[in-house]
N, C-alpha and C. Protein backbone atom coordinates (compact mmCIF):
# COMPACT_ATOMS: atom_id res chain seq x y z
N UNK A 1 -4.42 -29.87 -21.48
CA UNK A 1 -3.65 -28.18 -21.24
C UNK A 1 -5.44 -27.93 -21.88
N UNK A 2 -5.84 -28.20 -23.07
CA UNK A 2 -7.30 -27.63 -23.35
C UNK A 2 -8.58 -27.57 -22.48
N UNK A 3 -8.46 -28.57 -21.58
CA UNK A 3 -9.96 -28.49 -20.77
C UNK A 3 -9.59 -27.59 -19.79
N UNK A 4 -8.33 -26.68 -19.42
CA UNK A 4 -8.21 -24.98 -18.64
C UNK A 4 -8.51 -24.38 -19.34
N UNK A 5 -9.85 -23.76 -19.09
CA UNK A 5 -10.07 -22.01 -19.41
C UNK A 5 -9.58 -21.06 -18.62
N UNK A 6 -9.09 -19.98 -19.58
CA UNK A 6 -8.74 -18.98 -19.04
C UNK A 6 -9.59 -18.10 -18.94
N UNK A 7 -10.17 -17.01 -17.86
CA UNK A 7 -11.45 -16.49 -17.98
C UNK A 7 -11.25 -14.75 -17.16
N UNK A 8 -11.80 -14.51 -17.24
CA UNK A 8 -11.94 -12.74 -16.59
C UNK A 8 -12.51 -13.32 -15.07
N UNK A 9 -12.45 -12.72 -13.91
CA UNK A 9 -12.37 -13.34 -12.75
C UNK A 9 -14.44 -12.71 -12.64
N UNK A 10 -15.11 -13.41 -11.98
CA UNK A 10 -16.87 -13.06 -12.18
C UNK A 10 -17.10 -13.02 -10.24
N UNK A 11 -18.13 -12.28 -9.99
CA UNK A 11 -18.92 -12.30 -9.27
C UNK A 11 -19.24 -13.67 -8.83
N UNK A 12 -18.78 -14.18 -8.06
CA UNK A 12 -19.13 -15.51 -7.38
C UNK A 12 -17.49 -16.39 -7.25
N UNK A 13 -16.76 -15.83 -7.71
CA UNK A 13 -15.34 -16.55 -7.63
C UNK A 13 -14.34 -16.49 -6.56
N UNK A 14 -15.15 -15.51 -5.40
CA UNK A 14 -14.24 -16.02 -4.61
C UNK A 14 -13.94 -16.38 -3.56
N UNK A 15 -14.65 -17.22 -3.57
CA UNK A 15 -14.48 -18.27 -2.89
C UNK A 15 -12.78 -18.97 -3.43
N UNK A 16 -13.15 -19.70 -4.75
CA UNK A 16 -12.25 -20.56 -5.58
C UNK A 16 -10.95 -19.73 -5.27
N UNK A 17 -11.17 -18.23 -5.52
CA UNK A 17 -9.54 -17.83 -5.87
C UNK A 17 -9.19 -17.49 -4.38
N UNK A 18 -9.76 -17.58 -3.15
CA UNK A 18 -9.28 -17.68 -2.16
C UNK A 18 -8.83 -18.76 -1.94
N UNK A 19 -8.89 -19.60 -2.00
CA UNK A 19 -9.46 -21.78 -2.08
C UNK A 19 -7.76 -22.12 -3.09
N UNK A 20 -7.40 -20.94 -4.01
CA UNK A 20 -6.37 -21.67 -4.29
C UNK A 20 -5.25 -20.28 -3.18
N UNK A 21 -5.64 -19.73 -3.67
CA UNK A 21 -3.80 -18.28 -2.82
C UNK A 21 -3.55 -18.54 -1.31
N UNK A 22 -4.79 -18.95 -0.25
CA UNK A 22 -4.08 -19.29 0.32
C UNK A 22 -3.57 -20.12 1.23
N UNK A 23 -4.00 -21.93 0.35
CA UNK A 23 -3.30 -22.80 0.83
C UNK A 23 -1.62 -22.80 0.47
N UNK A 24 -1.31 -22.17 -0.56
CA UNK A 24 0.14 -21.71 -1.68
C UNK A 24 0.98 -20.37 -0.42
N UNK A 25 0.14 -19.77 -0.07
CA UNK A 25 0.86 -19.13 1.03
C UNK A 25 1.02 -19.35 2.15
N UNK A 26 0.23 -20.01 2.87
CA UNK A 26 0.92 -20.46 3.81
C UNK A 26 1.29 -21.90 4.37
N UNK A 27 0.68 -23.31 3.49
CA UNK A 27 1.32 -24.45 3.52
C UNK A 27 2.41 -24.72 2.74
N UNK A 28 2.86 -23.87 1.27
CA UNK A 28 3.57 -24.12 1.05
C UNK A 28 5.01 -23.50 0.81
N UNK A 29 4.37 -22.01 1.26
CA UNK A 29 5.39 -20.83 1.22
C UNK A 29 5.58 -20.61 2.83
N UNK A 30 4.71 -21.22 3.98
CA UNK A 30 5.08 -20.96 4.88
C UNK A 30 4.66 -19.27 5.23
N UNK A 31 4.08 -18.10 4.58
CA UNK A 31 4.05 -17.09 4.82
C UNK A 31 2.81 -17.50 6.08
N UNK A 32 2.76 -16.06 7.05
CA UNK A 32 2.30 -16.12 7.68
C UNK A 32 0.81 -15.21 7.36
N UNK A 33 -0.04 -15.08 6.43
CA UNK A 33 -1.02 -13.85 5.76
C UNK A 33 -2.17 -14.91 6.25
N UNK A 34 -3.40 -14.33 6.29
CA UNK A 34 -5.07 -14.65 6.35
C UNK A 34 -5.57 -13.94 4.50
N UNK A 35 -6.78 -15.07 4.81
CA UNK A 35 -7.86 -13.67 4.23
C UNK A 35 -7.35 -12.40 3.91
N UNK A 36 -8.41 -12.09 5.54
CA UNK A 36 -8.60 -10.45 6.25
C UNK A 36 -7.03 -10.22 6.26
N UNK A 37 -5.68 -10.45 6.33
CA UNK A 37 -4.75 -9.62 5.73
C UNK A 37 -4.58 -9.14 3.96
N UNK A 38 -5.68 -9.51 4.03
CA UNK A 38 -5.48 -9.03 1.95
C UNK A 38 -7.36 -8.91 1.65
N UNK A 39 -7.51 -7.66 2.00
CA UNK A 39 -8.82 -7.17 1.35
C UNK A 39 -9.06 -6.74 0.42
N UNK A 40 -7.88 -7.22 -0.73
CA UNK A 40 -8.07 -6.57 -1.96
C UNK A 40 -8.74 -7.73 -1.93
N UNK A 41 -8.52 -8.75 -2.00
CA UNK A 41 -9.58 -10.61 -2.50
C UNK A 41 -11.00 -10.28 -1.88
N UNK A 42 -11.60 -9.60 -1.02
CA UNK A 42 -12.74 -8.86 -0.75
C UNK A 42 -13.88 -8.04 -1.40
N UNK A 43 -13.08 -8.02 -2.54
CA UNK A 43 -13.10 -6.31 -3.47
C UNK A 43 -12.59 -6.23 -4.77
N UNK A 44 -12.75 -8.07 -5.68
CA UNK A 44 -12.16 -8.00 -6.51
C UNK A 44 -12.20 -6.91 -7.76
N UNK A 45 -13.25 -6.79 -7.88
CA UNK A 45 -14.04 -6.11 -8.89
C UNK A 45 -13.73 -4.92 -8.91
N UNK A 46 -14.08 -4.18 -7.67
CA UNK A 46 -13.70 -3.09 -6.99
C UNK A 46 -12.23 -2.51 -7.33
N UNK A 47 -11.29 -3.31 -6.87
CA UNK A 47 -9.82 -3.30 -6.63
C UNK A 47 -9.29 -3.91 -8.20
N UNK A 48 -9.36 -4.83 -7.97
CA UNK A 48 -8.86 -4.81 -9.38
C UNK A 48 -8.99 -4.47 -11.08
N UNK A 49 -10.48 -4.75 -10.90
CA UNK A 49 -11.37 -4.70 -12.30
C UNK A 49 -11.71 -3.07 -12.28
N UNK A 50 -10.92 -2.45 -12.61
CA UNK A 50 -11.31 -1.25 -12.66
C UNK A 50 -10.07 -0.36 -13.32
N UNK A 51 -10.05 0.89 -14.41
CA UNK A 51 -8.97 1.23 -14.99
C UNK A 51 -8.66 0.65 -16.47
N UNK A 52 -7.29 0.95 -16.41
CA UNK A 52 -6.66 -0.70 -16.84
C UNK A 52 -6.52 -1.89 -16.41
N UNK A 53 -7.25 -2.01 -15.33
CA UNK A 53 -6.33 -3.19 -14.73
C UNK A 53 -7.83 -3.98 -15.04
N UNK A 54 -7.57 -5.83 -14.35
CA UNK A 54 -7.77 -7.03 -14.80
C UNK A 54 -7.68 -7.93 -13.49
N UNK A 55 -8.52 -8.70 -13.65
CA UNK A 55 -8.39 -10.07 -12.63
C UNK A 55 -8.75 -11.24 -13.71
N UNK A 56 -8.23 -12.65 -13.48
CA UNK A 56 -8.06 -13.94 -14.40
C UNK A 56 -8.10 -14.32 -13.75
N UNK A 57 -8.56 -15.80 -14.21
CA UNK A 57 -8.60 -17.24 -13.78
C UNK A 57 -8.26 -18.36 -14.33
N UNK A 58 -8.04 -19.12 -14.07
CA UNK A 58 -7.80 -20.42 -14.72
C UNK A 58 -8.98 -21.49 -14.45
N UNK A 59 -9.52 -22.24 -14.99
CA UNK A 59 -10.57 -22.81 -14.86
C UNK A 59 -10.30 -24.22 -14.73
N UNK A 60 -10.67 -25.37 -14.10
CA UNK A 60 -10.54 -26.59 -14.73
C UNK A 60 -11.61 -27.50 -14.06
N UNK A 61 -12.46 -28.40 -14.96
CA UNK A 61 -13.70 -28.94 -13.87
C UNK A 61 -14.66 -28.19 -13.44
N UNK A 62 -15.02 -27.04 -14.11
CA UNK A 62 -15.75 -25.64 -12.91
C UNK A 62 -15.02 -25.62 -11.21
N UNK A 63 -13.61 -26.20 -11.63
CA UNK A 63 -12.43 -25.51 -10.03
C UNK A 63 -11.89 -24.43 -10.82
N UNK A 64 -11.87 -23.58 -10.11
CA UNK A 64 -10.42 -22.17 -9.99
C UNK A 64 -9.55 -23.07 -9.61
N UNK A 65 -8.21 -23.19 -10.52
CA UNK A 65 -6.42 -23.92 -10.67
C UNK A 65 -5.39 -22.97 -10.70
N UNK A 66 -6.13 -21.40 -10.51
CA UNK A 66 -4.44 -20.73 -10.96
C UNK A 66 -5.71 -18.63 -10.78
N UNK A 67 -4.65 -18.07 -10.42
CA UNK A 67 -5.42 -16.77 -10.88
C UNK A 67 -4.37 -15.77 -11.22
N UNK A 68 -4.45 -14.58 -11.49
CA UNK A 68 -3.37 -13.67 -11.63
C UNK A 68 -4.76 -12.10 -12.07
N UNK A 69 -3.62 -10.56 -11.01
CA UNK A 69 -3.92 -10.11 -11.67
C UNK A 69 -3.38 -8.65 -12.11
N UNK A 70 -3.98 -7.75 -11.92
CA UNK A 70 -3.51 -6.36 -12.89
C UNK A 70 -3.94 -5.25 -12.46
N UNK A 71 -3.23 -4.75 -11.34
CA UNK A 71 -3.96 -3.64 -10.60
C UNK A 71 -3.05 -1.72 -11.31
N UNK A 72 -4.14 -1.22 -11.48
CA UNK A 72 -3.76 -0.17 -12.28
C UNK A 72 -2.92 0.97 -11.20
N UNK A 73 -2.05 1.54 -11.36
CA UNK A 73 -1.45 2.72 -10.92
C UNK A 73 -1.15 4.04 -11.23
N UNK A 74 -2.03 4.53 -12.72
CA UNK A 74 -1.40 5.25 -13.22
C UNK A 74 -0.69 5.20 -13.82
N UNK A 75 -0.40 6.31 -15.04
CA UNK A 75 1.00 7.18 -15.36
C UNK A 75 1.58 5.28 -16.83
N UNK A 76 -0.24 4.84 -16.94
CA UNK A 76 0.32 3.85 -17.80
C UNK A 76 1.02 2.33 -17.59
N UNK A 77 0.92 2.29 -16.20
CA UNK A 77 1.53 1.31 -14.99
C UNK A 77 0.79 0.95 -14.56
N UNK A 78 1.02 -0.40 -14.25
CA UNK A 78 0.39 -1.34 -13.45
C UNK A 78 0.81 -2.74 -12.86
N UNK A 79 0.36 -3.07 -11.35
CA UNK A 79 1.28 -3.64 -10.72
C UNK A 79 0.52 -5.08 -10.79
N UNK A 80 1.63 -6.44 -11.05
CA UNK A 80 1.25 -7.81 -11.60
C UNK A 80 0.95 -7.93 -10.16
N UNK A 81 0.12 -8.83 -9.58
CA UNK A 81 -0.38 -9.43 -8.56
C UNK A 81 -1.79 -10.45 -8.46
N UNK A 82 -1.02 -11.39 -6.88
CA UNK A 82 -2.25 -12.40 -7.30
C UNK A 82 -1.70 -13.37 -8.53
N UNK A 83 -0.74 -14.03 -8.40
CA UNK A 83 -0.36 -14.93 -9.53
C UNK A 83 0.39 -16.25 -9.07
N UNK A 84 -1.23 -17.14 -8.53
CA UNK A 84 -1.21 -18.08 -8.18
C UNK A 84 -1.84 -19.52 -8.63
N UNK A 85 -0.70 -20.65 -8.95
CA UNK A 85 -1.00 -21.87 -9.77
C UNK A 85 -1.06 -23.00 -8.49
N UNK A 86 -2.49 -23.64 -8.84
CA UNK A 86 -2.36 -24.81 -7.75
C UNK A 86 -1.56 -25.87 -8.05
N UNK A 87 -0.81 -26.62 -7.05
CA UNK A 87 -0.43 -27.69 -7.79
C UNK A 87 -0.33 -28.67 -8.67
N UNK A 88 -1.36 -29.01 -8.04
CA UNK A 88 -2.21 -30.14 -9.78
C UNK A 88 -1.89 -29.50 -10.91
N UNK A 89 -1.94 -28.53 -11.54
CA UNK A 89 -1.59 -27.93 -13.23
C UNK A 89 -0.44 -26.80 -13.09
N UNK A 90 1.17 -27.48 -12.30
CA UNK A 90 1.68 -26.56 -12.53
C UNK A 90 2.45 -27.23 -13.59
N UNK A 91 3.54 -26.28 -14.08
CA UNK A 91 4.41 -27.61 -15.20
C UNK A 91 4.25 -27.25 -16.76
N UNK A 92 4.89 -27.11 -17.19
CA UNK A 92 4.79 -27.23 -18.11
C UNK A 92 3.79 -27.60 -19.50
N UNK A 93 3.76 -28.75 -18.72
CA UNK A 93 2.45 -29.85 -19.24
C UNK A 93 1.39 -29.52 -19.16
N UNK A 94 0.86 -28.65 -18.53
CA UNK A 94 0.03 -27.51 -18.26
C UNK A 94 -0.22 -26.22 -18.60
N UNK A 95 0.85 -25.55 -19.06
CA UNK A 95 1.20 -24.45 -19.10
C UNK A 95 -0.07 -22.80 -18.88
N UNK A 96 -0.63 -23.16 -17.67
CA UNK A 96 -1.34 -22.95 -16.74
C UNK A 96 -0.48 -20.79 -16.73
N UNK A 97 0.28 -21.40 -15.88
CA UNK A 97 1.28 -20.29 -15.88
C UNK A 97 1.26 -19.20 -17.15
N UNK A 98 1.85 -19.58 -18.03
CA UNK A 98 1.92 -19.08 -19.28
C UNK A 98 0.94 -18.84 -20.00
N UNK A 99 -0.42 -19.37 -19.47
CA UNK A 99 -1.58 -18.61 -20.32
C UNK A 99 -2.09 -18.15 -19.29
N UNK A 100 -1.89 -17.68 -18.44
CA UNK A 100 -2.40 -16.45 -17.42
C UNK A 100 -1.64 -15.34 -17.52
N UNK A 101 0.04 -15.30 -18.07
CA UNK A 101 0.31 -14.07 -17.84
C UNK A 101 0.39 -13.81 -19.61
N UNK A 102 0.48 -14.67 -20.16
CA UNK A 102 0.36 -14.17 -21.79
C UNK A 102 -1.18 -13.36 -21.95
N UNK A 103 -2.57 -14.30 -21.32
CA UNK A 103 -3.85 -13.24 -20.91
C UNK A 103 -3.55 -12.03 -20.31
N UNK A 104 -2.69 -11.65 -19.43
CA UNK A 104 -2.66 -10.51 -18.51
C UNK A 104 -1.72 -9.86 -19.95
N UNK A 105 -1.02 -10.33 -20.37
CA UNK A 105 -0.08 -9.04 -21.11
C UNK A 105 -0.60 -8.45 -22.59
N UNK A 106 -1.98 -9.44 -23.31
CA UNK A 106 -2.56 -9.35 -23.78
C UNK A 106 -3.42 -7.91 -23.49
N UNK A 107 -3.74 -8.16 -22.39
CA UNK A 107 -4.51 -7.39 -22.33
C UNK A 107 -3.70 -5.60 -22.00
N UNK A 108 -2.35 -6.13 -21.26
CA UNK A 108 -1.85 -4.58 -21.18
C UNK A 108 -1.95 -4.12 -21.96
N UNK A 109 -1.36 -5.08 -23.18
CA UNK A 109 -1.19 -4.02 -24.48
C UNK A 109 -2.29 -3.44 -25.23
N UNK A 110 -3.72 -4.00 -25.38
CA UNK A 110 -4.57 -3.93 -25.59
C UNK A 110 -5.33 -2.32 -25.03
N UNK A 111 -4.90 -2.38 -23.69
CA UNK A 111 -5.71 -0.78 -22.46
C UNK A 111 -4.36 -0.03 -22.94
N UNK A 112 -3.23 -0.09 -23.40
CA UNK A 112 -2.38 0.95 -23.46
C UNK A 112 -1.41 0.83 -22.21
N UNK A 113 -1.51 -0.15 -21.42
CA UNK A 113 -0.40 0.14 -20.45
C UNK A 113 1.39 0.12 -20.92
N UNK A 114 2.02 0.84 -20.61
CA UNK A 114 3.88 0.82 -20.70
C UNK A 114 4.71 -0.65 -19.74
N UNK A 115 3.78 -0.41 -18.89
CA UNK A 115 4.70 -1.09 -17.85
C UNK A 115 4.21 -1.84 -16.96
N UNK A 116 4.58 -3.03 -16.68
CA UNK A 116 4.36 -4.01 -15.64
C UNK A 116 5.04 -4.28 -14.34
N UNK A 117 4.97 -4.13 -13.31
CA UNK A 117 5.56 -4.03 -12.18
C UNK A 117 4.90 -5.22 -11.28
N UNK A 118 6.01 -5.83 -10.53
CA UNK A 118 5.62 -6.83 -9.35
C UNK A 118 6.58 -7.09 -8.52
N UNK A 119 5.58 -7.14 -7.06
CA UNK A 119 7.03 -7.73 -6.05
C UNK A 119 6.14 -8.95 -5.92
N UNK A 120 7.60 -9.49 -4.79
CA UNK A 120 7.65 -11.28 -4.44
C UNK A 120 7.81 -11.15 -3.48
N UNK A 121 7.86 -12.69 -2.46
CA UNK A 121 8.97 -13.19 -1.95
C UNK A 121 10.11 -13.54 -2.14
N UNK A 122 11.34 -13.29 -1.52
CA UNK A 122 12.09 -14.05 -1.61
C UNK A 122 12.46 -16.13 -1.34
N UNK A 123 10.61 -16.85 -1.16
CA UNK A 123 10.72 -17.32 -1.29
C UNK A 123 9.97 -18.23 -2.49
N UNK A 124 9.90 -17.23 -3.32
CA UNK A 124 8.98 -17.72 -4.96
C UNK A 124 9.76 -18.23 -5.41
N UNK A 125 10.74 -18.70 -5.21
CA UNK A 125 11.98 -18.99 -5.89
C UNK A 125 12.14 -19.45 -7.61
N UNK A 126 10.50 -19.88 -7.83
CA UNK A 126 10.12 -20.64 -9.25
C UNK A 126 9.86 -19.50 -9.79
N UNK A 127 9.00 -18.84 -9.22
CA UNK A 127 8.13 -17.81 -9.75
C UNK A 127 9.18 -16.48 -9.75
N UNK A 128 10.45 -16.17 -9.42
CA UNK A 128 11.94 -16.15 -10.33
C UNK A 128 11.81 -16.33 -11.40
N UNK A 129 12.08 -17.13 -11.53
CA UNK A 129 12.43 -17.80 -12.56
C UNK A 129 11.66 -17.91 -14.50
N UNK A 130 10.56 -18.09 -13.28
CA UNK A 130 9.37 -17.80 -14.31
C UNK A 130 9.33 -16.16 -14.77
N UNK A 131 9.49 -15.36 -13.74
CA UNK A 131 9.35 -14.34 -14.24
C UNK A 131 10.07 -13.78 -15.22
N UNK A 132 11.73 -13.88 -15.02
CA UNK A 132 12.80 -13.39 -16.12
C UNK A 132 12.53 -14.41 -16.91
N UNK A 133 12.90 -15.31 -17.17
CA UNK A 133 12.35 -16.05 -18.03
C UNK A 133 11.44 -15.74 -19.51
N UNK A 134 10.35 -14.94 -18.62
CA UNK A 134 9.08 -14.25 -19.35
C UNK A 134 9.35 -12.75 -19.46
N UNK A 135 10.62 -12.32 -19.57
CA UNK A 135 11.10 -10.49 -19.87
C UNK A 135 10.96 -10.05 -18.65
N UNK A 136 10.76 -10.39 -17.99
CA UNK A 136 11.12 -9.27 -16.41
C UNK A 136 12.10 -8.85 -15.72
N UNK A 137 12.95 -8.07 -15.20
CA UNK A 137 13.88 -7.88 -14.95
C UNK A 137 13.98 -7.43 -13.60
N UNK A 138 15.05 -7.56 -12.62
CA UNK A 138 14.65 -7.39 -11.49
C UNK A 138 15.23 -5.48 -11.23
N UNK A 139 14.63 -4.71 -10.43
CA UNK A 139 14.41 -3.72 -9.85
C UNK A 139 14.22 -2.94 -9.01
N UNK A 140 15.67 -2.29 -8.07
CA UNK A 140 15.44 -1.89 -6.46
C UNK A 140 14.93 -0.96 -6.19
N UNK A 141 13.67 -1.15 -5.10
CA UNK A 141 12.90 -1.15 -4.43
C UNK A 141 12.67 0.21 -4.64
N UNK A 142 13.70 1.27 -4.71
CA UNK A 142 13.79 2.44 -4.49
C UNK A 142 13.56 2.97 -5.90
N UNK A 143 13.28 2.34 -7.13
CA UNK A 143 12.86 2.49 -8.28
C UNK A 143 11.84 2.33 -8.59
N UNK A 144 10.46 2.10 -7.83
CA UNK A 144 9.63 1.64 -8.06
C UNK A 144 9.10 2.86 -8.11
N UNK A 145 7.72 3.06 -8.48
CA UNK A 145 6.94 4.40 -8.27
C UNK A 145 6.47 4.61 -7.17
N UNK A 146 5.68 6.07 -6.70
CA UNK A 146 5.28 6.11 -5.77
C UNK A 146 3.99 4.97 -5.47
N UNK A 147 2.88 5.07 -6.56
CA UNK A 147 1.95 4.26 -6.42
C UNK A 147 2.19 3.34 -6.62
N UNK A 148 3.18 2.34 -6.36
CA UNK A 148 3.28 0.93 -6.36
C UNK A 148 2.79 0.18 -4.75
N UNK A 149 1.70 -0.52 -5.47
CA UNK A 149 1.43 -1.11 -3.88
C UNK A 149 2.04 -2.24 -3.21
N UNK A 150 3.23 -1.46 -2.47
CA UNK A 150 3.80 -2.68 -1.90
C UNK A 150 2.94 -3.44 -0.91
N UNK A 151 3.42 -4.79 -1.13
CA UNK A 151 2.76 -5.60 -0.11
C UNK A 151 4.00 -5.74 1.31
N UNK A 152 3.64 -6.24 2.30
CA UNK A 152 4.67 -5.90 3.35
C UNK A 152 5.87 -6.91 3.22
N UNK A 153 5.34 -8.00 2.87
CA UNK A 153 6.04 -9.87 2.40
C UNK A 153 6.92 -9.75 1.24
N UNK A 154 6.50 -8.69 0.50
CA UNK A 154 7.57 -8.31 -0.51
C UNK A 154 8.86 -7.86 -0.48
N UNK A 155 9.54 -8.69 -1.33
CA UNK A 155 11.21 -8.07 -0.98
C UNK A 155 12.33 -8.66 -2.11
N UNK A 156 11.04 -8.96 -3.37
CA UNK A 156 12.07 -8.60 -4.69
C UNK A 156 11.06 -8.04 -5.77
N UNK A 157 11.24 -7.15 -6.26
CA UNK A 157 10.64 -6.34 -7.70
C UNK A 157 11.52 -6.46 -8.75
N UNK A 158 9.91 -6.95 -9.37
CA UNK A 158 10.75 -6.93 -10.70
C UNK A 158 9.46 -5.98 -11.70
N UNK A 159 10.17 -5.36 -13.29
CA UNK A 159 9.37 -4.48 -13.82
C UNK A 159 9.94 -5.29 -15.65
N UNK A 160 8.55 -5.12 -16.59
CA UNK A 160 8.18 -5.76 -17.46
C UNK A 160 7.64 -4.35 -18.37
N UNK A 161 8.53 -3.90 -19.77
CA UNK A 161 8.23 -3.23 -20.81
C UNK A 161 6.62 -4.36 -21.23
N UNK A 162 5.24 -3.35 -21.70
CA UNK A 162 4.37 -3.79 -22.27
C UNK A 162 5.06 -4.01 -23.66
């Protein structure tokens, strides 16, 4: 676990980020999506690292193996997005997902966010268990704030107070 570093996204990380996210979306879960369908991935600094938002990567031996982000949506609320961990570093023995979420929550608290919201697909069952285990409660789509950036593939939504 100590050989995995969690750090803020930096210019030049784009290819590594896409290299983690797209294979998980497309190959593991069969979501028909491309990088072009996710314009935020081409503008991470502007899209996520503004306001109270942020974007973090997990890095092992110079290779990005995990991502997580926070999109500021106003009113001291933010959307957790792009949480992906490469298969070879998943699980409790690595703790990558937990460390990414811990980093995000520490940031949220430090900048005064009150609520974290997220959307996911029905297919990401392990993600559902992870979010629920970490204090997120399911919320109905109609209870999401107007500014929530809903993705077309999102069918299940969660909220956690900071």
